[in-house]
C-alpha atoms as a PDB file:
ATOM      1  CA  UNK A   1      98.929  91.880  79.585  1.00  0.00           C
ATOM      2  CA  UNK A   2      97.596  91.916  83.094  1.00  0.00           C
ATOM      3  CA  UNK A   3      99.869  89.632  85.231  1.00  0.00           C
ATOM      4  CA  UNK A   4      98.658  88.786  88.728  1.00  0.00           C
ATOM      5  CA  UNK A   5     101.655  88.760  91.120  1.00  0.00           C
ATOM      6  CA  UNK A   6     101.454  88.896  94.914  1.00  0.00           C
ATOM      7  CA  UNK A   7     104.147  91.317  96.114  1.00  0.00           C
ATOM      8  CA  UNK A   8     104.492  89.596  99.429  1.00  0.00           C
ATOM      9  CA  UNK A   9     106.094  86.547  97.500  1.00  0.00           C
ATOM     10  CA  UNK A  10     108.619  88.481  95.637  1.00  0.00           C
ATOM     11  CA  UNK A  11     112.123  87.883  96.746  1.00  0.00           C
ATOM     12  CA  UNK A  12     115.434  87.745  95.005  1.00  0.00           C
ATOM     13  CA  UNK A  13     115.279  83.964  94.647  1.00  0.00           C
ATOM     14  CA  UNK A  14     111.814  84.273  92.837  1.00  0.00           C
ATOM     15  CA  UNK A  15     113.158  87.148  90.467  1.00  0.00           C
ATOM     16  CA  UNK A  16     116.157  85.198  89.585  1.00  0.00           C
ATOM     17  CA  UNK A  17     114.191  81.930  88.664  1.00  0.00           C
ATOM     18  CA  UNK A  18     110.926  83.251  87.279  1.00  0.00           C
ATOM     19  CA  UNK A  19     111.655  86.643  85.833  1.00  0.00           C
ATOM     20  CA  UNK A  20     115.142  86.195  84.478  1.00  0.00           C
ATOM     21  CA  UNK A  21     113.388  85.653  81.236  1.00  0.00           C
ATOM     22  CA  UNK A  22     112.970  88.937  79.526  1.00  0.00           C
ATOM     23  CA  UNK A  23     109.373  88.569  78.226  1.00  0.00           C
ATOM     24  CA  UNK A  24     108.204  87.606  81.811  1.00  0.00           C
ATOM     25  CA  UNK A  25     110.137  90.413  83.343  1.00  0.00           C
ATOM     26  CA  UNK A  26     108.540  92.964  80.995  1.00  0.00           C
ATOM     27  CA  UNK A  27     105.059  91.727  81.808  1.00  0.00           C
ATOM     28  CA  UNK A  28     105.780  92.144  85.433  1.00  0.00           C
ATOM     29  CA  UNK A  29     107.164  95.644  84.854  1.00  0.00           C
ATOM     30  CA  UNK A  30     104.114  96.523  82.717  1.00  0.00           C
ATOM     31  CA  UNK A  31     101.566  95.177  85.361  1.00  0.00           C
ATOM     32  CA  UNK A  32     103.199  97.284  88.098  1.00  0.00           C
ATOM     33  CA  UNK A  33     103.670 100.361  85.988  1.00  0.00           C
ATOM     34  CA  UNK A  34     100.178 100.341  84.511  1.00  0.00           C
ATOM     35  CA  UNK A  35      98.033  98.540  87.175  1.00  0.00           C
ATOM     36  CA  UNK A  36      94.844 100.097  85.454  1.00  0.00           C
ATOM     37  CA  UNK A  37      95.823  99.250  81.988  1.00  0.00           C
ATOM     38  CA  UNK A  38      98.262 100.514  79.328  1.00  0.00           C
ATOM     39  CA  UNK A  39      98.505 104.441  79.236  1.00  0.00           C
ATOM     40  CA  UNK A  40     100.287 106.323  76.764  1.00  0.00           C
ATOM     41  CA  UNK A  41     103.205 108.284  78.015  1.00  0.00           C
ATOM     42  CA  UNK A  42     102.955 110.981  75.298  1.00  0.00           C
ATOM     43  CA  UNK A  43      99.116 112.009  75.589  1.00  0.00           C
ATOM     44  CA  UNK A  44      98.055 109.951  78.535  1.00  0.00           C
ATOM     45  CA  UNK A  45      95.335 108.123  76.653  1.00  0.00           C
ATOM     46  CA  UNK A  46      94.202 104.898  78.330  1.00  0.00           C
ATOM     47  CA  UNK A  47      93.917 102.932  75.096  1.00  0.00           C
ATOM     48  CA  UNK A  48      96.531 101.314  73.151  1.00  0.00           C
ATOM     49  CA  UNK A  49      97.215  98.203  71.168  1.00  0.00           C
ATOM     50  CA  UNK A  50     100.241  95.885  70.964  1.00  0.00           C
ATOM     51  CA  UNK A  51     102.189  95.876  67.799  1.00  0.00           C
ATOM     52  CA  UNK A  52     103.299  92.380  66.742  1.00  0.00           C
ATOM     53  CA  UNK A  53     105.067  91.359  63.704  1.00  0.00           C
ATOM     54  CA  UNK A  54     103.953  88.651  61.209  1.00  0.00           C
ATOM     55  CA  UNK A  55     106.154  85.524  60.893  1.00  0.00           C
ATOM     56  CA  UNK A  56     107.404  85.916  57.648  1.00  0.00           C
ATOM     57  CA  UNK A  57     108.369  89.752  57.844  1.00  0.00           C
ATOM     58  CA  UNK A  58     111.800  91.003  57.632  1.00  0.00           C
ATOM     59  CA  UNK A  59     111.445  94.077  59.813  1.00  0.00           C
ATOM     60  CA  UNK A  60     110.315  92.774  63.011  1.00  0.00           C
ATOM     61  CA  UNK A  61     108.816  94.958  65.625  1.00  0.00           C
ATOM     62  CA  UNK A  62     110.784  94.940  68.928  1.00  0.00           C
ATOM     63  CA  UNK A  63     108.895  93.384  71.851  1.00  0.00           C
ATOM     64  CA  UNK A  64     106.812  95.293  74.189  1.00  0.00           C
ATOM     65  CA  UNK A  65     105.969  97.852  71.528  1.00  0.00           C
ATOM     66  CA  UNK A  66     102.592  99.647  71.773  1.00  0.00           C
ATOM     67  CA  UNK A  67     100.607 102.205  69.633  1.00  0.00           C
ATOM     68  CA  UNK A  68      98.401 104.783  71.151  1.00  0.00           C
ATOM     69  CA  UNK A  69      94.963 104.895  69.741  1.00  0.00           C
ATOM     70  CA  UNK A  70      94.642 108.575  70.086  1.00  0.00           C
ATOM     71  CA  UNK A  71      97.845 110.328  69.207  1.00  0.00           C
ATOM     72  CA  UNK A  72      99.396 107.083  67.042  1.00  0.00           C
ATOM     73  CA  UNK A  73     102.741 107.348  68.659  1.00  0.00           C
ATOM     74  CA  UNK A  74     104.555 104.030  69.562  1.00  0.00           C
ATOM     75  CA  UNK A  75     106.044 103.276  72.907  1.00  0.00           C
ATOM     76  CA  UNK A  76     107.251 100.853  75.360  1.00  0.00           C
ATOM     77  CA  UNK A  77     106.976 100.448  79.156  1.00  0.00           C
ATOM     78  CA  UNK A  78     110.230 102.371  79.647  1.00  0.00           C
ATOM     79  CA  UNK A  79     109.318 105.422  77.655  1.00  0.00           C
ATOM     80  CA  UNK A  80     108.615 108.486  79.878  1.00  0.00           C
ATOM     81  CA  UNK A  81     110.337 107.049  82.964  1.00  0.00           C
ATOM     82  CA  UNK A  82     113.833 107.127  84.480  1.00  0.00           C
ATOM     83  CA  UNK A  83     114.889 104.010  82.499  1.00  0.00           C
ATOM     84  CA  UNK A  84     114.219 105.475  78.993  1.00  0.00           C
ATOM     85  CA  UNK A  85     116.847 104.754  76.498  1.00  0.00           C
ATOM     86  CA  UNK A  86     118.616 102.290  78.718  1.00  0.00           C
ATOM     87  CA  UNK A  87     120.220  99.248  76.929  1.00  0.00           C
ATOM     88  CA  UNK A  88     120.110  97.160  80.363  1.00  0.00           C
ATOM     89  CA  UNK A  89     117.545  94.315  80.171  1.00  0.00           C
ATOM     90  CA  UNK A  90     114.360  94.689  82.185  1.00  0.00           C
ATOM     91  CA  UNK A  91     115.014  91.640  84.195  1.00  0.00           C
ATOM     92  CA  UNK A  92     118.341  93.391  85.584  1.00  0.00           C
ATOM     93  CA  UNK A  93     116.548  96.561  86.301  1.00  0.00           C
ATOM     94  CA  UNK A  94     114.031  94.566  88.364  1.00  0.00           C
ATOM     95  CA  UNK A  95     116.974  92.819  90.196  1.00  0.00           C
ATOM     96  CA  UNK A  96     118.602  96.205  91.049  1.00  0.00           C
ATOM     97  CA  UNK A  97     115.289  97.863  92.235  1.00  0.00           C
ATOM     98  CA  UNK A  98     114.773  94.943  94.543  1.00  0.00           C
ATOM     99  CA  UNK A  99     118.291  95.057  96.005  1.00  0.00           C
ATOM    100  CA  UNK A 100     118.091  98.694  96.622  1.00  0.00           C
ATOM    101  CA  UNK A 101     114.629  98.612  98.084  1.00  0.00           C
ATOM    102  CA  UNK A 102     115.472  95.669 100.410  1.00  0.00           C
ATOM    103  CA  UNK A 103     118.934  96.643 101.562  1.00  0.00           C
ATOM    104  CA  UNK A 104     118.448  98.416 104.961  1.00  0.00           C
ATOM    105  CA  UNK A 105     122.092 100.025 104.676  1.00  0.00           C
ATOM    106  CA  UNK A 106     122.377 100.151 101.002  1.00  0.00           C
ATOM    107  CA  UNK A 107     124.782  98.387  98.618  1.00  0.00           C
ATOM    108  CA  UNK A 108     127.870  99.915  96.853  1.00  0.00           C
ATOM    109  CA  UNK A 109     127.947 100.262  92.937  1.00  0.00           C
ATOM    110  CA  UNK A 110     130.834  97.795  92.823  1.00  0.00           C
ATOM    111  CA  UNK A 111     128.884  95.146  94.805  1.00  0.00           C
ATOM    112  CA  UNK A 112     125.752  95.840  92.640  1.00  0.00           C
ATOM    113  CA  UNK A 113     127.946  95.295  89.510  1.00  0.00           C
ATOM    114  CA  UNK A 114     129.275  91.959  90.734  1.00  0.00           C
ATOM    115  CA  UNK A 115     125.706  90.723  91.585  1.00  0.00           C
ATOM    116  CA  UNK A 116     124.145  91.755  88.264  1.00  0.00           C
ATOM    117  CA  UNK A 117     127.212  90.977  85.948  1.00  0.00           C
ATOM    118  CA  UNK A 118     127.499  94.472  84.757  1.00  0.00           C
ATOM    119  CA  UNK A 119     130.325  97.126  84.400  1.00  0.00           C
ATOM    120  CA  UNK A 120     130.795  99.351  87.481  1.00  0.00           C
ATOM    121  CA  UNK A 121     129.807 102.397  85.345  1.00  0.00           C
ATOM    122  CA  UNK A 122     126.519 100.702  84.468  1.00  0.00           C
ATOM    123  CA  UNK A 123     125.815  99.504  87.961  1.00  0.00           C
ATOM    124  CA  UNK A 124     126.640 103.052  89.325  1.00  0.00           C
ATOM    125  CA  UNK A 125     124.241 104.710  86.852  1.00  0.00           C
ATOM    126  CA  UNK A 126     121.540 102.180  87.433  1.00  0.00           C
ATOM    127  CA  UNK A 127     121.722 102.822  91.122  1.00  0.00           C
ATOM    128  CA  UNK A 128     121.460 106.740  90.875  1.00  0.00           C
ATOM    129  CA  UNK A 129     118.720 106.498  88.427  1.00  0.00           C
ATOM    130  CA  UNK A 130     116.731 104.392  90.962  1.00  0.00           C
ATOM    131  CA  UNK A 131     117.612 106.740  93.705  1.00  0.00           C
ATOM    132  CA  UNK A 132     116.629 109.732  91.713  1.00  0.00           C
ATOM    133  CA  UNK A 133     113.183 108.019  91.156  1.00  0.00           C
ATOM    134  CA  UNK A 134     112.784 107.438  94.899  1.00  0.00           C
ATOM    135  CA  UNK A 135     112.453 111.153  95.609  1.00  0.00           C
ATOM    136  CA  UNK A 136     109.172 112.308  97.296  1.00  0.00           C
ATOM    137  CA  UNK A 137     107.110 114.622  95.041  1.00  0.00           C
ATOM    138  CA  UNK A 138     106.354 117.521  97.539  1.00  0.00           C
ATOM    139  CA  UNK A 139     103.728 118.835  95.106  1.00  0.00           C
ATOM    140  CA  UNK A 140     101.438 115.831  95.680  1.00  0.00           C
ATOM    141  CA  UNK A 141     102.736 114.409  99.130  1.00  0.00           C
ATOM    142  CA  UNK A 142     100.687 115.367 102.230  1.00  0.00           C
ATOM    143  CA  UNK A 143     102.245 117.881 104.581  1.00  0.00           C
ATOM    144  CA  UNK A 144     103.614 116.506 107.732  1.00  0.00           C
ATOM    145  CA  UNK A 145     101.248 117.056 110.754  1.00  0.00           C
ATOM    146  CA  UNK A 146     101.007 116.433 114.444  1.00  0.00           C
ATOM    147  CA  UNK A 147     104.340 116.073 116.167  1.00  0.00           C
ATOM    148  CA  UNK A 148     107.337 116.704 113.671  1.00  0.00           C
ATOM    149  CA  UNK A 149     111.070 116.749 114.211  1.00  0.00           C
ATOM    150  CA  UNK A 150     113.658 118.820 112.459  1.00  0.00           C
ATOM    151  CA  UNK A 151     117.333 118.565 112.582  1.00  0.00           C
ATOM    152  CA  UNK A 152     120.520 118.752 110.445  1.00  0.00           C
ATOM    153  CA  UNK A 153     123.703 116.658 110.025  1.00  0.00           C
ATOM    154  CA  UNK A 154     126.837 117.370 108.221  1.00  0.00           C
ATOM    155  CA  UNK A 155     128.981 115.253 105.600  1.00  0.00           C
ATOM    156  CA  UNK A 156     132.440 115.928 104.344  1.00  0.00           C
ATOM    157  CA  UNK A 157     132.535 116.778 100.685  1.00  0.00           C
ATOM    158  CA  UNK A 158     134.904 114.182  98.804  1.00  0.00           C
ATOM    159  CA  UNK A 159     135.694 116.788  96.149  1.00  0.00           C
ATOM    160  CA  UNK A 160     136.983 119.289  98.680  1.00  0.00           C
ATOM    161  CA  UNK A 161     140.850 119.476  99.737  1.00  0.00           C
ATOM    162  CA  UNK A 162     142.004 117.864 102.790  1.00  0.00           C
ATOM    163  CA  UNK A 163     143.031 121.138 104.258  1.00  0.00           C
ATOM    164  CA  UNK A 164     139.628 122.610 103.515  1.00  0.00           C
ATOM    165  CA  UNK A 165     137.574 119.528 104.479  1.00  0.00           C
ATOM    166  CA  UNK A 166     135.963 120.881 107.517  1.00  0.00           C
ATOM    167  CA  UNK A 167     135.082 124.060 105.746  1.00  0.00           C
ATOM    168  CA  UNK A 168     133.710 122.123 102.845  1.00  0.00           C
ATOM    169  CA  UNK A 169     130.993 120.089 104.618  1.00  0.00           C
ATOM    170  CA  UNK A 170     127.669 119.368 103.055  1.00  0.00           C
ATOM    171  CA  UNK A 171     124.397 120.088 104.971  1.00  0.00           C
ATOM    172  CA  UNK A 172     121.465 117.671 105.000  1.00  0.00           C
ATOM    173  CA  UNK A 173     118.303 118.829 106.635  1.00  0.00           C
ATOM    174  CA  UNK A 174     115.698 116.289 107.702  1.00  0.00           C
ATOM    175  CA  UNK A 175     111.924 116.705 108.913  1.00  0.00           C
ATOM    176  CA  UNK A 176     110.341 113.591 110.318  1.00  0.00           C
ATOM    177  CA  UNK A 177     106.913 113.215 111.512  1.00  0.00           C
ATOM    178  CA  UNK A 178     106.689 110.853 114.503  1.00  0.00           C
ATOM    179  CA  UNK A 179     105.329 107.535 113.340  1.00  0.00           C
ATOM    180  CA  UNK A 180     105.004 109.023 109.884  1.00  0.00           C
ATOM    181  CA  UNK A 181     107.252 109.905 106.912  1.00  0.00           C
ATOM    182  CA  UNK A 182     110.554 111.791 106.525  1.00  0.00           C
ATOM    183  CA  UNK A 183     111.517 114.517 104.236  1.00  0.00           C
ATOM    184  CA  UNK A 184     115.187 115.310 103.293  1.00  0.00           C
ATOM    185  CA  UNK A 185     117.001 118.335 101.523  1.00  0.00           C
ATOM    186  CA  UNK A 186     120.524 119.376 100.794  1.00  0.00           C
ATOM    187  CA  UNK A 187     120.947 123.023 101.947  1.00  0.00           C
ATOM    188  CA  UNK A 188     123.806 125.322 101.384  1.00  0.00           C
ATOM    189  CA  UNK A 189     124.045 126.183 105.132  1.00  0.00           C
ATOM    190  CA  UNK A 190     121.682 126.310 108.213  1.00  0.00           C
ATOM    191  CA  UNK A 191     120.179 129.576 108.028  1.00  0.00           C
ATOM    192  CA  UNK A 192     116.747 130.932 108.855  1.00  0.00           C
ATOM    193  CA  UNK A 193     115.897 131.386 105.088  1.00  0.00           C
ATOM    194  CA  UNK A 194     116.975 127.803 104.022  1.00  0.00           C
ATOM    195  CA  UNK A 195     115.428 126.065 107.028  1.00  0.00           C
ATOM    196  CA  UNK A 196     112.200 128.091 106.676  1.00  0.00           C
ATOM    197  CA  UNK A 197     111.742 127.385 103.029  1.00  0.00           C
ATOM    198  CA  UNK A 198     112.172 123.839 103.760  1.00  0.00           C
ATOM    199  CA  UNK A 199     109.746 123.800 106.490  1.00  0.00           C
ATOM    200  CA  UNK A 200     107.075 125.647 104.394  1.00  0.00           C
ATOM    201  CA  UNK A 201     107.154 123.136 101.810  1.00  0.00           C
ATOM    202  CA  UNK A 202     106.716 119.952 103.950  1.00  0.00           C
ATOM    203  CA  UNK A 203     105.049 120.874 107.391  1.00  0.00           C
ATOM    204  CA  UNK A 204     101.576 121.974 108.225  1.00  0.00           C
ATOM    205  CA  UNK A 205     101.273 125.252 110.194  1.00  0.00           C
ATOM    206  CA  UNK A 206      99.103 123.107 112.742  1.00  0.00           C
ATOM    207  CA  UNK A 207     101.912 120.918 113.580  1.00  0.00           C
ATOM    208  CA  UNK A 208     104.156 120.910 116.767  1.00  0.00           C
ATOM    209  CA  UNK A 209     107.828 121.054 115.625  1.00  0.00           C
ATOM    210  CA  UNK A 210     110.575 119.793 117.804  1.00  0.00           C
ATOM    211  CA  UNK A 211     114.125 121.098 117.166  1.00  0.00           C
ATOM    212  CA  UNK A 212     117.411 121.659 119.078  1.00  0.00           C
ATOM    213  CA  UNK A 213     118.680 124.870 120.242  1.00  0.00           C
ATOM    214  CA  UNK A 214     119.821 126.194 116.840  1.00  0.00           C
ATOM    215  CA  UNK A 215     118.883 129.862 116.314  1.00  0.00           C
ATOM    216  CA  UNK A 216     117.958 129.295 112.767  1.00  0.00           C
ATOM    217  CA  UNK A 217     114.564 127.557 113.805  1.00  0.00           C
ATOM    218  CA  UNK A 218     113.380 130.506 115.874  1.00  0.00           C
ATOM    219  CA  UNK A 219     111.981 132.937 113.339  1.00  0.00           C
ATOM    220  CA  UNK A 220     110.612 130.423 110.791  1.00  0.00           C
ATOM    221  CA  UNK A 221     108.690 128.346 113.560  1.00  0.00           C
ATOM    222  CA  UNK A 222     106.880 131.468 115.057  1.00  0.00           C
ATOM    223  CA  UNK A 223     104.010 130.840 112.582  1.00  0.00           C
ATOM    224  CA  UNK A 224     103.492 127.319 113.500  1.00  0.00           C
ATOM    225  CA  UNK A 225     101.244 126.028 116.256  1.00  0.00           C
ATOM    226  CA  UNK A 226     104.119 125.063 118.786  1.00  0.00           C
ATOM    227  CA  UNK A 227     107.737 125.071 118.911  1.00  0.00           C
ATOM    228  CA  UNK A 228     109.514 122.951 121.390  1.00  0.00           C
ATOM    229  CA  UNK A 229     113.404 123.106 121.986  1.00  0.00           C
ATOM    230  CA  UNK A 230     115.761 120.641 123.722  1.00  0.00           C
ATOM    231  CA  UNK A 231     119.132 121.983 124.709  1.00  0.00           C
ATOM    232  CA  UNK A 232     121.788 119.572 123.706  1.00  0.00           C
ATOM    233  CA  UNK A 233     124.404 121.646 125.227  1.00  0.00           C
ATOM    234  CA  UNK A 234     122.898 120.939 128.568  1.00  0.00           C
ATOM    235  CA  UNK A 235     122.674 117.323 128.002  1.00  0.00           C
ATOM    236  CA  UNK A 236     119.043 117.379 127.567  1.00  0.00           C
ATOM    237  CA  UNK A 237     117.998 114.869 124.844  1.00  0.00           C
ATOM    238  CA  UNK A 238     114.383 114.234 125.956  1.00  0.00           C
ATOM    239  CA  UNK A 239     112.072 116.419 127.937  1.00  0.00           C
ATOM    240  CA  UNK A 240     108.843 115.116 129.357  1.00  0.00           C
ATOM    241  CA  UNK A 241     106.422 118.085 129.496  1.00  0.00           C
ATOM    242  CA  UNK A 242     103.559 118.779 131.957  1.00  0.00           C
ATOM    243  CA  UNK A 243     100.891 118.107 129.149  1.00  0.00           C
ATOM    244  CA  UNK A 244     102.205 114.581 128.649  1.00  0.00           C
ATOM    245  CA  UNK A 245     103.987 115.276 125.522  1.00  0.00           C
ATOM    246  CA  UNK A 246     107.795 114.454 124.896  1.00  0.00           C
ATOM    247  CA  UNK A 247     110.228 116.856 123.318  1.00  0.00           C
ATOM    248  CA  UNK A 248     113.201 115.554 121.408  1.00  0.00           C
ATOM    249  CA  UNK A 249     114.758 115.006 118.125  1.00  0.00           C
ATOM    250  CA  UNK A 250     115.878 111.348 118.735  1.00  0.00           C
ATOM    251  CA  UNK A 251     113.733 110.125 115.524  1.00  0.00           C
ATOM    252  CA  UNK A 252     115.916 112.336 113.209  1.00  0.00           C
ATOM    253  CA  UNK A 253     119.158 111.222 115.080  1.00  0.00           C
ATOM    254  CA  UNK A 254     118.033 107.653 114.414  1.00  0.00           C
ATOM    255  CA  UNK A 255     117.497 108.476 110.715  1.00  0.00           C
ATOM    256  CA  UNK A 256     121.025 110.088 110.375  1.00  0.00           C
ATOM    257  CA  UNK A 257     122.556 106.990 112.130  1.00  0.00           C
ATOM    258  CA  UNK A 258     121.110 104.681 109.356  1.00  0.00           C
ATOM    259  CA  UNK A 259     122.061 106.980 106.693  1.00  0.00           C
ATOM    260  CA  UNK A 260     125.734 107.315 107.885  1.00  0.00           C
ATOM    261  CA  UNK A 261     125.999 103.506 108.215  1.00  0.00           C
ATOM    262  CA  UNK A 262     125.466 103.449 104.386  1.00  0.00           C
ATOM    263  CA  UNK A 263     128.121 106.117 104.060  1.00  0.00           C
ATOM    264  CA  UNK A 264     130.785 104.401 106.210  1.00  0.00           C
ATOM    265  CA  UNK A 265     129.894 100.910 105.544  1.00  0.00           C
ATOM    266  CA  UNK A 266     128.913 100.899 101.633  1.00  0.00           C
ATOM    267  CA  UNK A 267     129.760 104.116 100.090  1.00  0.00           C
ATOM    268  CA  UNK A 268     132.751 105.283 102.011  1.00  0.00           C
ATOM    269  CA  UNK A 269     132.648 108.902 100.572  1.00  0.00           C
ATOM    270  CA  UNK A 270     129.934 110.898  98.830  1.00  0.00           C
ATOM    271  CA  UNK A 271     130.020 114.312  97.134  1.00  0.00           C
ATOM    272  CA  UNK A 272     127.712 117.271  97.347  1.00  0.00           C
ATOM    273  CA  UNK A 273     126.421 116.639  93.789  1.00  0.00           C
ATOM    274  CA  UNK A 274     125.029 113.125  94.737  1.00  0.00           C
ATOM    275  CA  UNK A 275     124.244 113.443  98.549  1.00  0.00           C
ATOM    276  CA  UNK A 276     120.528 114.407  97.666  1.00  0.00           C
ATOM    277  CA  UNK A 277     120.106 110.926  95.791  1.00  0.00           C
ATOM    278  CA  UNK A 278     121.603 108.863  98.465  1.00  0.00           C
ATOM    279  CA  UNK A 279     119.355 110.614 101.172  1.00  0.00           C
ATOM    280  CA  UNK A 280     116.342 109.677  98.713  1.00  0.00           C
ATOM    281  CA  UNK A 281     117.074 106.017  99.034  1.00  0.00           C
ATOM    282  CA  UNK A 282     117.081 106.131 102.688  1.00  0.00           C
ATOM    283  CA  UNK A 283     114.009 108.476 102.759  1.00  0.00           C
ATOM    284  CA  UNK A 284     111.891 106.132 100.623  1.00  0.00           C
ATOM    285  CA  UNK A 285     113.050 103.151 102.776  1.00  0.00           C
ATOM    286  CA  UNK A 286     111.966 104.921 105.882  1.00  0.00           C
ATOM    287  CA  UNK A 287     108.633 105.874 104.548  1.00  0.00           C
ATOM    288  CA  UNK A 288     107.926 102.250 103.466  1.00  0.00           C
ATOM    289  CA  UNK A 289     109.429 100.728 106.667  1.00  0.00           C
ATOM    290  CA  UNK A 290     106.194  98.864 107.542  1.00  0.00           C
ATOM    291  CA  UNK A 291     106.092  97.193 104.002  1.00  0.00           C
ATOM    292  CA  UNK A 292     107.705  94.030 102.887  1.00  0.00           C
ATOM    293  CA  UNK A 293     110.503  94.196 100.374  1.00  0.00           C
ATOM    294  CA  UNK A 294     108.053  93.089  97.619  1.00  0.00           C
ATOM    295  CA  UNK A 295     105.520  95.673  98.709  1.00  0.00           C
ATOM    296  CA  UNK A 296     108.120  98.303  98.560  1.00  0.00           C
ATOM    297  CA  UNK A 297     109.269  97.323  95.212  1.00  0.00           C
ATOM    298  CA  UNK A 298     105.769  97.403  93.885  1.00  0.00           C
ATOM    299  CA  UNK A 299     105.072 100.902  95.359  1.00  0.00           C
ATOM    300  CA  UNK A 300     108.271 102.252  93.767  1.00  0.00           C
ATOM    301  CA  UNK A 301     107.433 101.183  90.196  1.00  0.00           C
ATOM    302  CA  UNK A 302     104.925 104.033  89.501  1.00  0.00           C
ATOM    303  CA  UNK A 303     107.411 106.583  90.887  1.00  0.00           C
ATOM    304  CA  UNK A 304     109.607 106.150  87.909  1.00  0.00           C
ATOM    305  CA  UNK A 305     107.106 108.022  85.501  1.00  0.00           C
ATOM    306  CA  UNK A 306     107.938 111.444  84.278  1.00  0.00           C
ATOM    307  CA  UNK A 307     111.572 111.482  85.688  1.00  0.00           C
ATOM    308  CA  UNK A 308     114.807 111.558  83.641  1.00  0.00           C
ATOM    309  CA  UNK A 309     118.415 111.501  85.028  1.00  0.00           C
ATOM    310  CA  UNK A 310     120.802 112.538  82.231  1.00  0.00           C
ATOM    311  CA  UNK A 311     124.474 113.509  83.093  1.00  0.00           C
ATOM    312  CA  UNK A 312     125.509 113.944  79.465  1.00  0.00           C
ATOM    313  CA  UNK A 313     123.779 116.715  77.482  1.00  0.00           C
ATOM    314  CA  UNK A 314     121.834 115.322  74.569  1.00  0.00           C
ATOM    315  CA  UNK A 315     122.868 116.262  71.189  1.00  0.00           C
ATOM    316  CA  UNK A 316     119.510 117.315  69.928  1.00  0.00           C
END
């Protein structure tokens, strides 16, 4: 089952030529999801055997079916992932993953449907499943250290009435470690309670946190090593301190600029319900900005495990 694939060589042309075949696409998907061998998604036992059908049998087993040697349950590579119960071929899933991982300013669901040859509804759901899987797991992620920037921005809610548009904006808070990773969170409002909870989840107490002059950051950041503020109302955007450090939140502003290019150029409007998933996509690409498109795609595949996105309540 092990398929040796160099992630640096993966591009859209190679996926279309070599992995348009469903069997080859499944082998690539399995190799990246299980780099150390097949693992049962039910009991996490690392021994399983592949189920194959005899040539003369009438009830043939579907391709890519495995049986766990411990719990004896059957499964495929998509079981226990965000792609479970999807009727979309794996080859199209790989194409969609690569497109979202390589598009710096993202793509719309309508453009994705034209590229993959699917309906708009299918492409929209595929894109949101991928964005949902791109979310950073704060339980296992390393806290942000050294110099950290925290800032927030606002997006108009597309579901709000035009007369109430300014009062129905959605707040997105972002924390970025300089030369490091980013964390995003949709919060109800910019208060000390909401901002403090987000900082406690992501930032180490030994970090130096840079913010603007918003009062919500004062109380939560008293427990941290250092809090530097820049006064935008006085046209101060970067301050060179006597100890050689520079205080600013320009890294957060750069992240917001990229995200809003996706809103204005690709999506045009977003809602409060889905803003977090759109932010996940840009957060993941920011955290893997030093990787190639193929390496970014390879790193994404293990992140799909243990996640489900269902907008319709199941009957059972």
